[in-house]
Amino acid sequence: MTDAVGVLRKIVAEVGEWKIPPTPDNVKKLFTVNVKKLEDKLAKVFAKCRDMDVVKPLFEAYKTMIVTLYRDPNVEALYVKHTLMHMITLASLAKALGKNGDPVDLCSGAFKGVELEATLPYLNWWKIAFNELDEESRESLRQIAEDIVERTSLLDWELGGEEDLFRQLYEVLVEPETRRKIGEYYTPLWLVDRVLREFELRDKLVLDPFCGSGIVMTQAPKRV
């Protein structure tokens, strides 16, 4: 039994249903258990291929951005964490759109019939390098992707609400000490609502240069 299947069975036993609403709490439950194993597997793959011609420029671009924005972060560890969250987010999007297929494709945004501009190339290094990797690394990546897709498949996206699903996921993947050091936090929905109530938004252009998961951008149109 895979780690993901064990997680799913535990949650199904708690809620009594095969499908659960995609709430922040349920997303956190899905990815709290054994997520460190996924991270460690991904880190080992990255360590083996970080100097490859197709990977190194992507990592260097990410490193330049992160070092410019933040104070002395552990760039490699953060790169792996952001990559894992990127994979989870894309797999979740695939399921929300009703897409099925190869877990590697679902975790990299390669959905048939859908053009996705949400995919970030510097975090998709693992898929870009996939065919050039050794068999052991490809198998590790496939196991990670299968685990992620198994977990996201439990969520019933037709029951989705207005909450920021990935805020708690980010807090699971990135430990408090790192978040304090780089000053990276997700804005809660109640605060977004309060801020938007202070402005007349009709016929206005709304910009959010540090949009995170886009909660301000998704809530603003509802206030017009």
C-alpha atoms as a PDB file:
ATOM      1  CA  MET A   1       0.000   0.000   0.000  1.00  0.00           C
ATOM      2  CA  THR A   2       1.427   3.367  -1.008  1.00  0.00           C
ATOM      3  CA  ASP A   3       1.694   6.265   1.418  1.00  0.00           C
ATOM      4  CA  ALA A   4      -0.986   8.133  -0.518  1.00  0.00           C
ATOM      5  CA  VAL A   5      -3.461   5.253  -0.365  1.00  0.00           C
ATOM      6  CA  GLY A   6      -2.947   5.037   3.391  1.00  0.00           C
ATOM      7  CA  VAL A   7      -3.659   8.760   3.711  1.00  0.00           C
ATOM      8  CA  LEU A   8      -6.799   8.459   1.592  1.00  0.00           C
ATOM      9  CA  ARG A   9      -8.157   5.537   3.580  1.00  0.00           C
ATOM     10  CA  LYS A  10      -7.604   7.381   6.836  1.00  0.00           C
ATOM     11  CA  ILE A  11      -9.453  10.488   5.624  1.00  0.00           C
ATOM     12  CA  VAL A  12     -12.258   8.450   4.056  1.00  0.00           C
ATOM     13  CA  ALA A  13     -12.723   6.691   7.392  1.00  0.00           C
ATOM     14  CA  GLU A  14     -12.969  10.070   9.144  1.00  0.00           C
ATOM     15  CA  VAL A  15     -15.441  11.719   6.769  1.00  0.00           C
ATOM     16  CA  GLY A  16     -17.389   8.642   5.648  1.00  0.00           C
ATOM     17  CA  GLU A  17     -17.243   9.607   1.962  1.00  0.00           C
ATOM     18  CA  TRP A  18     -15.008   8.801  -1.003  1.00  0.00           C
ATOM     19  CA  LYS A  19     -14.986  12.434  -2.056  1.00  0.00           C
ATOM     20  CA  ILE A  20     -14.394  15.411   0.206  1.00  0.00           C
ATOM     21  CA  PRO A  21     -14.765  19.176  -0.393  1.00  0.00           C
ATOM     22  CA  PRO A  22     -11.575  21.005  -1.433  1.00  0.00           C
ATOM     23  CA  THR A  23     -11.224  23.098   1.708  1.00  0.00           C
ATOM     24  CA  PRO A  24      -7.906  24.350   3.122  1.00  0.00           C
ATOM     25  CA  ASP A  25      -8.254  21.950   6.053  1.00  0.00           C
ATOM     26  CA  ASN A  26      -8.834  18.921   3.804  1.00  0.00           C
ATOM     27  CA  VAL A  27      -5.942  19.889   1.528  1.00  0.00           C
ATOM     28  CA  LYS A  28      -3.753  20.190   4.609  1.00  0.00           C
ATOM     29  CA  LYS A  29      -4.846  16.730   5.815  1.00  0.00           C
ATOM     30  CA  LEU A  30      -4.082  15.211   2.433  1.00  0.00           C
ATOM     31  CA  PHE A  31      -0.548  16.543   2.271  1.00  0.00           C
ATOM     32  CA  THR A  32       0.579  16.643   5.903  1.00  0.00           C
ATOM     33  CA  VAL A  33       1.109  12.891   6.104  1.00  0.00           C
ATOM     34  CA  ASN A  34       4.435  11.725   4.634  1.00  0.00           C
ATOM     35  CA  VAL A  35       4.904  14.845   2.503  1.00  0.00           C
ATOM     36  CA  LYS A  36       8.517  14.968   3.729  1.00  0.00           C
ATOM     37  CA  LYS A  37       9.150  11.699   1.887  1.00  0.00           C
ATOM     38  CA  LEU A  38       7.996  13.291  -1.367  1.00  0.00           C
ATOM     39  CA  GLU A  39      10.227  16.292  -0.700  1.00  0.00           C
ATOM     40  CA  ASP A  40      13.258  14.123   0.048  1.00  0.00           C
ATOM     41  CA  LYS A  41      12.761  12.097  -3.144  1.00  0.00           C
ATOM     42  CA  LEU A  42      12.486  15.259  -5.210  1.00  0.00           C
ATOM     43  CA  ALA A  43      15.565  16.753  -3.543  1.00  0.00           C
ATOM     44  CA  LYS A  44      17.633  13.679  -4.455  1.00  0.00           C
ATOM     45  CA  VAL A  45      16.585  13.952  -8.099  1.00  0.00           C
ATOM     46  CA  PHE A  46      17.418  17.655  -8.167  1.00  0.00           C
ATOM     47  CA  ALA A  47      20.844  17.054  -6.610  1.00  0.00           C
ATOM     48  CA  LYS A  48      21.650  14.636  -9.433  1.00  0.00           C
ATOM     49  CA  CYS A  49      20.551  16.884 -12.277  1.00  0.00           C
ATOM     50  CA  ARG A  50      21.011  20.492 -11.101  1.00  0.00           C
ATOM     51  CA  ASP A  51      24.061  20.974 -13.350  1.00  0.00           C
ATOM     52  CA  MET A  52      22.400  19.580 -16.479  1.00  0.00           C
ATOM     53  CA  ASP A  53      22.229  22.019 -19.379  1.00  0.00           C
ATOM     54  CA  VAL A  54      18.419  22.025 -19.349  1.00  0.00           C
ATOM     55  CA  VAL A  55      18.122  22.456 -15.577  1.00  0.00           C
ATOM     56  CA  LYS A  56      20.924  24.786 -14.495  1.00  0.00           C
ATOM     57  CA  PRO A  57      19.612  27.937 -16.281  1.00  0.00           C
ATOM     58  CA  LEU A  58      16.159  27.405 -14.763  1.00  0.00           C
ATOM     59  CA  PHE A  59      17.565  27.070 -11.256  1.00  0.00           C
ATOM     60  CA  GLU A  60      19.871  30.062 -11.717  1.00  0.00           C
ATOM     61  CA  ALA A  61      16.936  32.222 -12.850  1.00  0.00           C
ATOM     62  CA  TYR A  62      14.983  31.147  -9.778  1.00  0.00           C
ATOM     63  CA  LYS A  63      18.006  31.707  -7.517  1.00  0.00           C
ATOM     64  CA  THR A  64      18.532  35.244  -8.827  1.00  0.00           C
ATOM     65  CA  MET A  65      14.901  36.114  -8.189  1.00  0.00           C
ATOM     66  CA  ILE A  66      14.798  34.622  -4.684  1.00  0.00           C
ATOM     67  CA  VAL A  67      18.113  36.107  -3.527  1.00  0.00           C
ATOM     68  CA  THR A  68      17.014  39.517  -4.845  1.00  0.00           C
ATOM     69  CA  LEU A  69      13.714  39.383  -2.956  1.00  0.00           C
ATOM     70  CA  TYR A  70      14.715  37.663   0.278  1.00  0.00           C
ATOM     71  CA  ARG A  71      17.482  37.639   2.828  1.00  0.00           C
ATOM     72  CA  ASP A  72      19.867  34.690   2.631  1.00  0.00           C
ATOM     73  CA  PRO A  73      17.343  31.855   2.114  1.00  0.00           C
ATOM     74  CA  ASN A  74      18.331  28.211   1.656  1.00  0.00           C
ATOM     75  CA  VAL A  75      17.715  28.457  -2.078  1.00  0.00           C
ATOM     76  CA  GLU A  76      18.035  24.773  -3.008  1.00  0.00           C
ATOM     77  CA  ALA A  77      15.673  23.603  -0.260  1.00  0.00           C
ATOM     78  CA  LEU A  78      13.174  26.337  -1.147  1.00  0.00           C
ATOM     79  CA  TYR A  79      13.433  25.399  -4.832  1.00  0.00           C
ATOM     80  CA  VAL A  80      12.434  21.827  -4.063  1.00  0.00           C
ATOM     81  CA  LYS A  81       9.540  22.949  -1.829  1.00  0.00           C
ATOM     82  CA  HIS A  82       8.229  25.373  -4.467  1.00  0.00           C
ATOM     83  CA  THR A  83       8.595  22.692  -7.144  1.00  0.00           C
ATOM     84  CA  LEU A  84       6.569  20.235  -5.082  1.00  0.00           C
ATOM     85  CA  MET A  85       3.844  22.815  -4.467  1.00  0.00           C
ATOM     86  CA  HIS A  86       3.823  23.595  -8.198  1.00  0.00           C
ATOM     87  CA  MET A  87       3.270  19.904  -8.954  1.00  0.00           C
ATOM     88  CA  ILE A  88       0.439  19.663  -6.422  1.00  0.00           C
ATOM     89  CA  THR A  89      -1.214  22.828  -7.737  1.00  0.00           C
ATOM     90  CA  LEU A  90      -1.094  21.651 -11.362  1.00  0.00           C
ATOM     91  CA  ALA A  91      -2.420  18.193 -10.441  1.00  0.00           C
ATOM     92  CA  SER A  92      -5.246  19.867  -8.521  1.00  0.00           C
ATOM     93  CA  LEU A  93      -6.025  22.068 -11.515  1.00  0.00           C
ATOM     94  CA  ALA A  94      -6.099  19.010 -13.774  1.00  0.00           C
ATOM     95  CA  LYS A  95      -8.630  17.318 -11.516  1.00  0.00           C
ATOM     96  CA  ALA A  96     -10.698  20.494 -11.186  1.00  0.00           C
ATOM     97  CA  LEU A  97     -10.898  20.593 -15.006  1.00  0.00           C
ATOM     98  CA  GLY A  98     -11.865  16.911 -15.135  1.00  0.00           C
ATOM     99  CA  LYS A  99      -8.603  15.858 -16.775  1.00  0.00           C
ATOM    100  CA  ASN A 100      -7.145  12.368 -16.456  1.00  0.00           C
ATOM    101  CA  GLY A 101      -4.012  10.797 -17.836  1.00  0.00           C
ATOM    102  CA  ASP A 102      -0.390  10.118 -17.002  1.00  0.00           C
ATOM    103  CA  PRO A 103       0.353  11.484 -13.492  1.00  0.00           C
ATOM    104  CA  VAL A 104       3.649  12.926 -14.794  1.00  0.00           C
ATOM    105  CA  ASP A 105       1.690  14.967 -17.348  1.00  0.00           C
ATOM    106  CA  LEU A 106      -0.944  16.048 -14.812  1.00  0.00           C
ATOM    107  CA  CYS A 107       1.726  17.274 -12.366  1.00  0.00           C
ATOM    108  CA  SER A 108       3.518  19.239 -15.091  1.00  0.00           C
ATOM    109  CA  GLY A 109       0.520  20.962 -16.693  1.00  0.00           C
ATOM    110  CA  ALA A 110       0.612  18.888 -19.883  1.00  0.00           C
ATOM    111  CA  PHE A 111      -3.170  18.498 -20.180  1.00  0.00           C
ATOM    112  CA  LYS A 112      -4.614  17.472 -23.527  1.00  0.00           C
ATOM    113  CA  GLY A 113      -6.760  20.168 -25.079  1.00  0.00           C
ATOM    114  CA  VAL A 114      -5.814  22.812 -22.521  1.00  0.00           C
ATOM    115  CA  GLU A 115      -3.265  25.586 -22.940  1.00  0.00           C
ATOM    116  CA  LEU A 116      -2.006  26.543 -19.487  1.00  0.00           C
ATOM    117  CA  GLU A 117      -0.060  29.700 -18.859  1.00  0.00           C
ATOM    118  CA  ALA A 118      -0.059  28.957 -15.122  1.00  0.00           C
ATOM    119  CA  THR A 119       2.901  26.603 -15.564  1.00  0.00           C
ATOM    120  CA  LEU A 120       6.179  28.139 -14.389  1.00  0.00           C
ATOM    121  CA  PRO A 121       9.109  26.830 -16.493  1.00  0.00           C
ATOM    122  CA  TYR A 122      11.714  27.242 -13.749  1.00  0.00           C
ATOM    123  CA  LEU A 123       9.616  25.008 -11.470  1.00  0.00           C
ATOM    124  CA  ASN A 124       8.929  22.504 -14.252  1.00  0.00           C
ATOM    125  CA  TRP A 125      12.626  21.592 -14.501  1.00  0.00           C
ATOM    126  CA  TRP A 126      11.926  17.969 -13.577  1.00  0.00           C
ATOM    127  CA  LYS A 127       9.577  17.423 -16.549  1.00  0.00           C
ATOM    128  CA  ILE A 128      11.824  19.334 -18.961  1.00  0.00           C
ATOM    129  CA  ALA A 129      14.736  17.066 -17.965  1.00  0.00           C
ATOM    130  CA  PHE A 130      12.625  13.907 -17.567  1.00  0.00           C
ATOM    131  CA  ASN A 131      13.708  12.073 -20.734  1.00  0.00           C
ATOM    132  CA  GLU A 132      17.389  12.827 -20.080  1.00  0.00           C
ATOM    133  CA  LEU A 133      17.394  11.451 -16.529  1.00  0.00           C
ATOM    134  CA  ASP A 134      18.556   8.026 -15.452  1.00  0.00           C
ATOM    135  CA  GLU A 135      15.962   5.318 -14.908  1.00  0.00           C
ATOM    136  CA  GLU A 136      16.106   5.593 -11.098  1.00  0.00           C
ATOM    137  CA  SER A 137      15.382   9.327 -11.174  1.00  0.00           C
ATOM    138  CA  ARG A 138      12.517   8.905 -13.655  1.00  0.00           C
ATOM    139  CA  GLU A 139      10.998   6.231 -11.454  1.00  0.00           C
ATOM    140  CA  SER A 140      11.280   8.463  -8.361  1.00  0.00           C
ATOM    141  CA  LEU A 141       9.551  11.309 -10.212  1.00  0.00           C
ATOM    142  CA  ARG A 142       6.820   8.981 -11.418  1.00  0.00           C
ATOM    143  CA  GLN A 143       6.226   7.760  -7.854  1.00  0.00           C
ATOM    144  CA  ILE A 144       5.988  11.349  -6.609  1.00  0.00           C
ATOM    145  CA  ALA A 145       3.520  12.253  -9.371  1.00  0.00           C
ATOM    146  CA  GLU A 146       1.388   9.149  -8.754  1.00  0.00           C
ATOM    147  CA  ASP A 147       1.279   9.900  -5.023  1.00  0.00           C
ATOM    148  CA  ILE A 148       0.195  13.512  -5.646  1.00  0.00           C
ATOM    149  CA  VAL A 149      -2.499  12.553  -8.151  1.00  0.00           C
ATOM    150  CA  GLU A 150      -3.880   9.876  -5.825  1.00  0.00           C
ATOM    151  CA  ARG A 151      -4.299  12.461  -3.091  1.00  0.00           C
ATOM    152  CA  THR A 152      -5.808  15.187  -5.267  1.00  0.00           C
ATOM    153  CA  SER A 153      -8.240  12.659  -6.772  1.00  0.00           C
ATOM    154  CA  LEU A 154     -10.011  12.439  -3.424  1.00  0.00           C
ATOM    155  CA  LEU A 155     -11.164  16.063  -3.635  1.00  0.00           C
ATOM    156  CA  ASP A 156     -14.565  16.789  -5.184  1.00  0.00           C
ATOM    157  CA  TRP A 157     -13.926  20.043  -7.028  1.00  0.00           C
ATOM    158  CA  GLU A 158     -17.637  20.597  -7.691  1.00  0.00           C
ATOM    159  CA  LEU A 159     -17.969  21.278  -3.961  1.00  0.00           C
ATOM    160  CA  GLY A 160     -15.319  24.017  -4.017  1.00  0.00           C
ATOM    161  CA  GLY A 161     -15.808  27.264  -2.122  1.00  0.00           C
ATOM    162  CA  GLU A 162     -14.115  30.660  -2.066  1.00  0.00           C
ATOM    163  CA  GLU A 163     -11.299  29.818   0.316  1.00  0.00           C
ATOM    164  CA  ASP A 164      -7.612  29.902  -0.518  1.00  0.00           C
ATOM    165  CA  LEU A 165      -6.934  26.172  -0.749  1.00  0.00           C
ATOM    166  CA  PHE A 166      -3.164  26.336  -0.913  1.00  0.00           C
ATOM    167  CA  ARG A 167      -2.413  28.692   1.968  1.00  0.00           C
ATOM    168  CA  GLN A 168      -2.278  25.841   4.464  1.00  0.00           C
ATOM    169  CA  LEU A 169      -0.467  23.630   1.959  1.00  0.00           C
ATOM    170  CA  TYR A 170       2.310  26.218   1.740  1.00  0.00           C
ATOM    171  CA  GLU A 171       2.493  26.306   5.527  1.00  0.00           C
ATOM    172  CA  VAL A 172       2.836  22.512   5.544  1.00  0.00           C
ATOM    173  CA  LEU A 173       5.665  22.518   2.995  1.00  0.00           C
ATOM    174  CA  VAL A 174       7.580  25.563   4.240  1.00  0.00           C
ATOM    175  CA  GLU A 175       8.422  25.510   7.936  1.00  0.00           C
ATOM    176  CA  PRO A 176       7.669  28.591  10.102  1.00  0.00           C
ATOM    177  CA  GLU A 177      11.347  29.532  10.529  1.00  0.00           C
ATOM    178  CA  THR A 178      11.832  29.774   6.757  1.00  0.00           C
ATOM    179  CA  ARG A 179       8.600  31.722   6.283  1.00  0.00           C
ATOM    180  CA  ARG A 180       9.673  34.197   8.959  1.00  0.00           C
ATOM    181  CA  LYS A 181      13.092  34.599   7.376  1.00  0.00           C
ATOM    182  CA  ILE A 182      11.786  35.290   3.876  1.00  0.00           C
ATOM    183  CA  GLY A 183       8.661  37.123   5.052  1.00  0.00           C
ATOM    184  CA  GLU A 184       6.335  35.071   2.850  1.00  0.00           C
ATOM    185  CA  TYR A 185       2.756  34.661   4.098  1.00  0.00           C
ATOM    186  CA  TYR A 186      -0.643  34.148   2.525  1.00  0.00           C
ATOM    187  CA  THR A 187      -3.312  36.813   3.045  1.00  0.00           C
ATOM    188  CA  PRO A 188      -6.414  35.408   4.790  1.00  0.00           C
ATOM    189  CA  LEU A 189      -9.802  35.765   3.088  1.00  0.00           C
ATOM    190  CA  TRP A 190     -11.269  37.902   5.892  1.00  0.00           C
ATOM    191  CA  LEU A 191      -8.513  40.493   5.453  1.00  0.00           C
ATOM    192  CA  VAL A 192      -9.001  40.598   1.676  1.00  0.00           C
ATOM    193  CA  ASP A 193     -12.737  41.146   2.177  1.00  0.00           C
ATOM    194  CA  ARG A 194     -12.112  43.963   4.637  1.00  0.00           C
ATOM    195  CA  VAL A 195      -9.625  45.742   2.360  1.00  0.00           C
ATOM    196  CA  LEU A 196     -11.831  45.478  -0.725  1.00  0.00           C
ATOM    197  CA  ARG A 197     -14.838  46.872   1.147  1.00  0.00           C
ATOM    198  CA  GLU A 198     -12.874  50.097   1.631  1.00  0.00           C
ATOM    199  CA  PHE A 199     -12.712  50.868  -2.098  1.00  0.00           C
ATOM    200  CA  GLU A 200     -15.122  51.547  -4.939  1.00  0.00           C
ATOM    201  CA  LEU A 201     -13.968  49.105  -7.590  1.00  0.00           C
ATOM    202  CA  ARG A 202     -16.453  49.756 -10.394  1.00  0.00           C
ATOM    203  CA  ASP A 203     -14.623  50.796 -13.603  1.00  0.00           C
ATOM    204  CA  LYS A 204     -11.280  50.486 -11.791  1.00  0.00           C
ATOM    205  CA  LEU A 205      -8.208  48.494 -12.785  1.00  0.00           C
ATOM    206  CA  VAL A 206      -7.092  46.246  -9.897  1.00  0.00           C
ATOM    207  CA  LEU A 207      -3.411  45.319  -9.693  1.00  0.00           C
ATOM    208  CA  ASP A 208      -1.760  43.005  -7.179  1.00  0.00           C
ATOM    209  CA  PRO A 209       1.962  42.670  -8.009  1.00  0.00           C
ATOM    210  CA  PHE A 210       2.542  40.153  -5.183  1.00  0.00           C
ATOM    211  CA  CYS A 211      -0.578  38.107  -5.855  1.00  0.00           C
ATOM    212  CA  GLY A 212       0.481  34.763  -4.335  1.00  0.00           C
ATOM    213  CA  SER A 213      -2.405  32.397  -5.041  1.00  0.00           C
ATOM    214  CA  GLY A 214      -4.447  35.252  -6.513  1.00  0.00           C
ATOM    215  CA  ILE A 215      -7.005  35.652  -3.753  1.00  0.00           C
ATOM    216  CA  VAL A 216      -7.309  39.442  -4.201  1.00  0.00           C
ATOM    217  CA  MET A 217      -7.732  39.054  -7.956  1.00  0.00           C
ATOM    218  CA  THR A 218     -10.444  36.418  -7.589  1.00  0.00           C
ATOM    219  CA  GLN A 219     -12.383  38.344  -4.933  1.00  0.00           C
ATOM    220  CA  ALA A 220     -12.215  41.833  -6.501  1.00  0.00           C
ATOM    221  CA  PRO A 221     -14.701  41.128  -9.339  1.00  0.00           C
ATOM    222  CA  LYS A 222     -17.271  40.017  -6.777  1.00  0.00           C
ATOM    223  CA  ARG A 223     -17.192  43.450  -5.160  1.00  0.00           C
ATOM    224  CA  VAL A 224     -18.134  45.333  -8.352  1.00  0.00           C
END
